[in-house]
PDB file of N, CA and C in Angstrom:
ATOM      1  N   UNK A   1       0.244  12.752   8.504  1.00  0.00           N
ATOM      2  CA  UNK A   1      -1.248  13.013   7.840  1.00  0.00           C
ATOM      3  C   UNK A   1       0.107  11.749   6.795  1.00  0.00           C
ATOM      4  N   UNK A   2      -1.249  11.596   5.783  1.00  0.00           N
ATOM      5  CA  UNK A   2      -0.776  10.761   4.795  1.00  0.00           C
ATOM      6  C   UNK A   2      -2.307  10.606   3.144  1.00  0.00           C
ATOM      7  N   UNK A   3      -1.232  10.146   2.475  1.00  0.00           N
ATOM      8  CA  UNK A   3      -2.411   9.868   1.420  1.00  0.00           C
ATOM      9  C   UNK A   3      -2.956   8.690   1.243  1.00  0.00           C
ATOM     10  N   UNK A   4      -4.054   8.161   0.923  1.00  0.00           N
ATOM     11  CA  UNK A   4      -5.301   7.219   0.837  1.00  0.00           C
ATOM     12  C   UNK A   4      -5.647   7.272  -0.635  1.00  0.00           C
ATOM     13  N   UNK A   5      -4.874   5.737  -1.213  1.00  0.00           N
ATOM     14  CA  UNK A   5      -5.634   5.834  -2.973  1.00  0.00           C
ATOM     15  C   UNK A   5      -6.552   4.408  -2.766  1.00  0.00           C
ATOM     16  N   UNK A   6      -7.507   4.374  -3.043  1.00  0.00           N
ATOM     17  CA  UNK A   6      -8.445   3.188  -3.204  1.00  0.00           C
ATOM     18  C   UNK A   6      -8.354   2.456  -4.346  1.00  0.00           C
ATOM     19  N   UNK A   7      -7.923   1.169  -4.348  1.00  0.00           N
ATOM     20  CA  UNK A   7      -7.558   0.208  -5.416  1.00  0.00           C
ATOM     21  C   UNK A   7      -7.932  -0.963  -5.220  1.00  0.00           C
ATOM     22  N   UNK A   8      -8.557  -0.890  -6.413  1.00  0.00           N
ATOM     23  CA  UNK A   8      -8.823  -2.169  -6.406  1.00  0.00           C
ATOM     24  C   UNK A   8      -8.299  -3.937  -6.203  1.00  0.00           C
ATOM     25  N   UNK A   9      -6.651  -3.620  -6.636  1.00  0.00           N
ATOM     26  CA  UNK A   9      -6.142  -4.925  -6.471  1.00  0.00           C
ATOM     27  C   UNK A   9      -4.928  -4.349  -5.441  1.00  0.00           C
ATOM     28  N   UNK A  10      -4.971  -4.423  -4.468  1.00  0.00           N
ATOM     29  CA  UNK A  10      -3.458  -3.777  -3.667  1.00  0.00           C
ATOM     30  C   UNK A  10      -2.810  -4.401  -3.645  1.00  0.00           C
ATOM     31  N   UNK A  11      -2.856  -6.356  -4.178  1.00  0.00           N
ATOM     32  CA  UNK A  11      -2.287  -7.128  -3.947  1.00  0.00           C
ATOM     33  C   UNK A  11      -1.394  -6.910  -5.367  1.00  0.00           C
ATOM     34  N   UNK A  12      -1.675  -6.584  -5.959  1.00  0.00           N
ATOM     35  CA  UNK A  12      -1.329  -6.393  -7.236  1.00  0.00           C
ATOM     36  C   UNK A  12      -0.795  -5.010  -7.292  1.00  0.00           C
ATOM     37  N   UNK A  13      -0.435  -3.993  -6.518  1.00  0.00           N
ATOM     38  CA  UNK A  13      -0.534  -2.747  -6.689  1.00  0.00           C
ATOM     39  C   UNK A  13       0.977  -3.276  -5.961  1.00  0.00           C
ATOM     40  N   UNK A  14       1.261  -2.989  -4.938  1.00  0.00           N
ATOM     41  CA  UNK A  14       2.405  -3.752  -4.121  1.00  0.00           C
ATOM     42  C   UNK A  14       3.558  -3.731  -4.849  1.00  0.00           C
ATOM     43  N   UNK A  15       3.191  -5.649  -5.770  1.00  0.00           N
ATOM     44  CA  UNK A  15       3.756  -6.133  -5.837  1.00  0.00           C
ATOM     45  C   UNK A  15       4.483  -5.351  -7.362  1.00  0.00           C
ATOM     46  N   UNK A  16       3.455  -4.224  -8.156  1.00  0.00           N
ATOM     47  CA  UNK A  16       4.505  -4.108  -9.158  1.00  0.00           C
ATOM     48  C   UNK A  16       5.189  -2.712  -8.258  1.00  0.00           C
ATOM     49  N   UNK A  17       5.017  -1.937  -7.279  1.00  0.00           N
ATOM     50  CA  UNK A  17       5.541  -1.328  -6.652  1.00  0.00           C
ATOM     51  C   UNK A  17       6.881  -1.618  -6.344  1.00  0.00           C
ATOM     52  N   UNK A  18       6.519  -3.032  -5.782  1.00  0.00           N
ATOM     53  CA  UNK A  18       8.629  -3.449  -5.080  1.00  0.00           C
ATOM     54  C   UNK A  18       9.061  -3.962  -6.331  1.00  0.00           C
ATOM     55  N   UNK A  19       8.670  -4.072  -7.581  1.00  0.00           N
ATOM     56  CA  UNK A  19       9.180  -4.846  -8.466  1.00  0.00           C
ATOM     57  C   UNK A  19       9.348  -3.172  -8.994  1.00  0.00           C
ATOM     58  N   UNK A  20       9.447  -1.869  -8.670  1.00  0.00           N
ATOM     59  CA  UNK A  20       9.700  -1.186  -9.749  1.00  0.00           C
ATOM     60  C   UNK A  20      10.918  -0.207  -8.434  1.00  0.00           C
ATOM     61  N   UNK A  21      11.155  -0.817  -8.179  1.00  0.00           N
ATOM     62  CA  UNK A  21      12.286  -0.542  -6.720  1.00  0.00           C
ATOM     63  C   UNK A  21      11.254   0.253  -5.762  1.00  0.00           C
ATOM     64  N   UNK A  22      10.343   0.149  -5.376  1.00  0.00           N
ATOM     65  CA  UNK A  22       9.514   1.139  -3.691  1.00  0.00           C
ATOM     66  C   UNK A  22       9.751   0.380  -2.785  1.00  0.00           C
ATOM     67  N   UNK A  23      10.538   0.006  -1.797  1.00  0.00           N
ATOM     68  CA  UNK A  23      10.452  -0.502  -0.853  1.00  0.00           C
ATOM     69  C   UNK A  23       8.888  -0.248   0.031  1.00  0.00           C
ATOM     70  N   UNK A  24       8.754  -1.166   0.618  1.00  0.00           N
ATOM     71  CA  UNK A  24       6.876  -1.347   1.662  1.00  0.00           C
ATOM     72  C   UNK A  24       7.638  -0.594   3.201  1.00  0.00           C
ATOM     73  N   UNK A  25       6.505   0.179   3.555  1.00  0.00           N
ATOM     74  CA  UNK A  25       6.914   0.628   4.560  1.00  0.00           C
ATOM     75  C   UNK A  25       5.988  -0.910   6.022  1.00  0.00           C
ATOM     76  N   UNK A  26       4.390  -0.615   5.096  1.00  0.00           N
ATOM     77  CA  UNK A  26       3.995  -0.818   6.069  1.00  0.00           C
ATOM     78  C   UNK A  26       3.427  -2.176   5.465  1.00  0.00           C
ATOM     79  N   UNK A  27       3.547  -3.539   5.585  1.00  0.00           N
ATOM     80  CA  UNK A  27       3.937  -5.298   4.905  1.00  0.00           C
ATOM     81  C   UNK A  27       2.115  -5.352   4.334  1.00  0.00           C
ATOM     82  N   UNK A  28       1.589  -6.058   3.245  1.00  0.00           N
ATOM     83  CA  UNK A  28       0.229  -5.908   3.375  1.00  0.00           C
ATOM     84  C   UNK A  28      -0.854  -6.507   4.369  1.00  0.00           C
ATOM     85  N   UNK A  29      -1.884  -6.393   4.682  1.00  0.00           N
ATOM     86  CA  UNK A  29      -2.606  -7.282   5.526  1.00  0.00           C
ATOM     87  C   UNK A  29      -3.952  -6.602   5.703  1.00  0.00           C
ATOM     88  N   UNK A  30      -4.494  -7.577   6.412  1.00  0.00           N
ATOM     89  CA  UNK A  30      -6.190  -7.009   6.180  1.00  0.00           C
ATOM     90  C   UNK A  30      -6.375  -6.057   7.552  1.00  0.00           C
ATOM     91  N   UNK A  31      -6.411  -5.080   7.831  1.00  0.00           N
ATOM     92  CA  UNK A  31      -7.046  -4.599   8.214  1.00  0.00           C
ATOM     93  C   UNK A  31      -7.642  -3.550   8.192  1.00  0.00           C
ATOM     94  N   UNK A  32      -8.919  -3.380   8.519  1.00  0.00           N
ATOM     95  CA  UNK A  32      -9.120  -4.072  10.252  1.00  0.00           C
ATOM     96  C   UNK A  32     -10.119  -4.662  10.360  1.00  0.00           C
ATOM     97  N   UNK A  33     -10.328  -5.380   9.259  1.00  0.00           N
ATOM     98  CA  UNK A  33     -10.586  -6.749   9.260  1.00  0.00           C
ATOM     99  C   UNK A  33     -10.681  -7.510   8.748  1.00  0.00           C
ATOM    100  N   UNK A  34     -11.008  -8.334   8.436  1.00  0.00           N
ATOM    101  CA  UNK A  34     -11.172  -9.997   7.123  1.00  0.00           C
ATOM    102  C   UNK A  34     -11.767  -8.461   5.924  1.00  0.00           C
ATOM    103  N   UNK A  35     -11.596  -8.847   4.532  1.00  0.00           N
ATOM    104  CA  UNK A  35     -11.986  -8.626   3.522  1.00  0.00           C
ATOM    105  C   UNK A  35     -11.007  -7.051   2.931  1.00  0.00           C
ATOM    106  N   UNK A  36     -10.869  -6.346   3.904  1.00  0.00           N
ATOM    107  CA  UNK A  36      -9.996  -5.193   3.859  1.00  0.00           C
ATOM    108  C   UNK A  36      -8.942  -4.872   3.762  1.00  0.00           C
ATOM    109  N   UNK A  37      -8.086  -4.492   2.678  1.00  0.00           N
ATOM    110  CA  UNK A  37      -5.746  -4.953   2.172  1.00  0.00           C
ATOM    111  C   UNK A  37      -5.759  -3.586   2.464  1.00  0.00           C
ATOM    112  N   UNK A  38      -4.549  -3.638   2.479  1.00  0.00           N
ATOM    113  CA  UNK A  38      -4.017  -2.235   2.551  1.00  0.00           C
ATOM    114  C   UNK A  38      -2.845  -3.044   3.254  1.00  0.00           C
ATOM    115  N   UNK A  39      -1.573  -1.398   2.431  1.00  0.00           N
ATOM    116  CA  UNK A  39      -0.367  -2.018   2.770  1.00  0.00           C
ATOM    117  C   UNK A  39       0.381   0.251   2.510  1.00  0.00           C
ATOM    118  N   UNK A  40       1.504   0.221   3.012  1.00  0.00           N
ATOM    119  CA  UNK A  40       1.997   1.320   2.697  1.00  0.00           C
ATOM    120  C   UNK A  40       3.543   1.360   2.388  1.00  0.00           C
ATOM    121  N   UNK A  41       3.587   1.999   1.185  1.00  0.00           N
ATOM    122  CA  UNK A  41       4.976   2.959   1.027  1.00  0.00           C
ATOM    123  C   UNK A  41       5.401   4.275   2.035  1.00  0.00           C
ATOM    124  N   UNK A  42       6.319   4.494   1.720  1.00  0.00           N
ATOM    125  CA  UNK A  42       7.447   5.771   1.077  1.00  0.00           C
ATOM    126  C   UNK A  42       7.577   6.215   0.013  1.00  0.00           C
ATOM    127  N   UNK A  43       7.482   7.355  -0.302  1.00  0.00           N
ATOM    128  CA  UNK A  43       8.622   7.984  -1.950  1.00  0.00           C
ATOM    129  C   UNK A  43       9.316   8.223  -1.241  1.00  0.00           C
ATOM    130  N   UNK A  44       9.929   8.865  -2.496  1.00  0.00           N
ATOM    131  CA  UNK A  44      11.545   8.934  -2.349  1.00  0.00           C
ATOM    132  C   UNK A  44      11.682   9.701  -1.704  1.00  0.00           C
ATOM    133  N   UNK A  45      10.854  11.466  -0.483  1.00  0.00           N
ATOM    134  CA  UNK A  45      10.775  12.595  -0.642  1.00  0.00           C
ATOM    135  C   UNK A  45      10.415  11.896   1.718  1.00  0.00           C
ATOM    136  N   UNK A  46       9.963  10.956   1.422  1.00  0.00           N
ATOM    137  CA  UNK A  46       9.795  10.356   3.123  1.00  0.00           C
ATOM    138  C   UNK A  46       7.716  10.356   3.123  1.00  0.00           C
ATOM    139  N   UNK A  47       6.909  10.397   2.302  1.00  0.00           N
ATOM    140  CA  UNK A  47       5.831  10.911   1.842  1.00  0.00           C
ATOM    141  C   UNK A  47       5.341   9.382   2.413  1.00  0.00           C
ATOM    142  N   UNK A  48       4.421   9.429   3.350  1.00  0.00           N
ATOM    143  CA  UNK A  48       3.898   7.649   3.703  1.00  0.00           C
ATOM    144  C   UNK A  48       2.093   7.713   1.949  1.00  0.00           C
ATOM    145  N   UNK A  49       2.125   6.957   1.645  1.00  0.00           N
ATOM    146  CA  UNK A  49       1.750   6.815   0.545  1.00  0.00           C
ATOM    147  C   UNK A  49       1.300   5.205   1.093  1.00  0.00           C
ATOM    148  N   UNK A  50      -0.892   5.204   0.953  1.00  0.00           N
ATOM    149  CA  UNK A  50      -1.129   4.582   1.634  1.00  0.00           C
ATOM    150  C   UNK A  50      -2.150   3.551   0.878  1.00  0.00           C
ATOM    151  N   UNK A  51      -1.841   2.168   0.442  1.00  0.00           N
ATOM    152  CA  UNK A  51      -3.303   1.889  -1.050  1.00  0.00           C
ATOM    153  C   UNK A  51      -4.412   0.298   0.096  1.00  0.00           C
ATOM    154  N   UNK A  52      -5.843   0.425  -0.296  1.00  0.00           N
ATOM    155  CA  UNK A  52      -6.691   0.646   0.663  1.00  0.00           C
ATOM    156  C   UNK A  52      -7.073  -0.564  -0.968  1.00  0.00           C
ATOM    157  N   UNK A  53      -8.434  -1.499  -0.228  1.00  0.00           N
ATOM    158  CA  UNK A  53      -8.594  -2.758  -1.195  1.00  0.00           C
ATOM    159  C   UNK A  53      -9.634  -2.572  -0.085  1.00  0.00           C
ATOM    160  N   UNK A  54     -10.948  -2.335  -0.437  1.00  0.00           N
ATOM    161  CA  UNK A  54     -12.065  -2.422   0.317  1.00  0.00           C
ATOM    162  C   UNK A  54     -12.618  -3.986  -0.022  1.00  0.00           C
TER     163      UNK A  54
END
């Protein structure tokens, strides 16, 4: 399982996390279709965290 957070701008969230040293686990992309953007990172305990912009 994993956590998923709906955010206004997933691109901005990922950029800020990467700036703070959080590595990307699942690259930013449009899934499952156009208009839905998501990415995933792992926290320092290995928990998967997903961010999505519908």
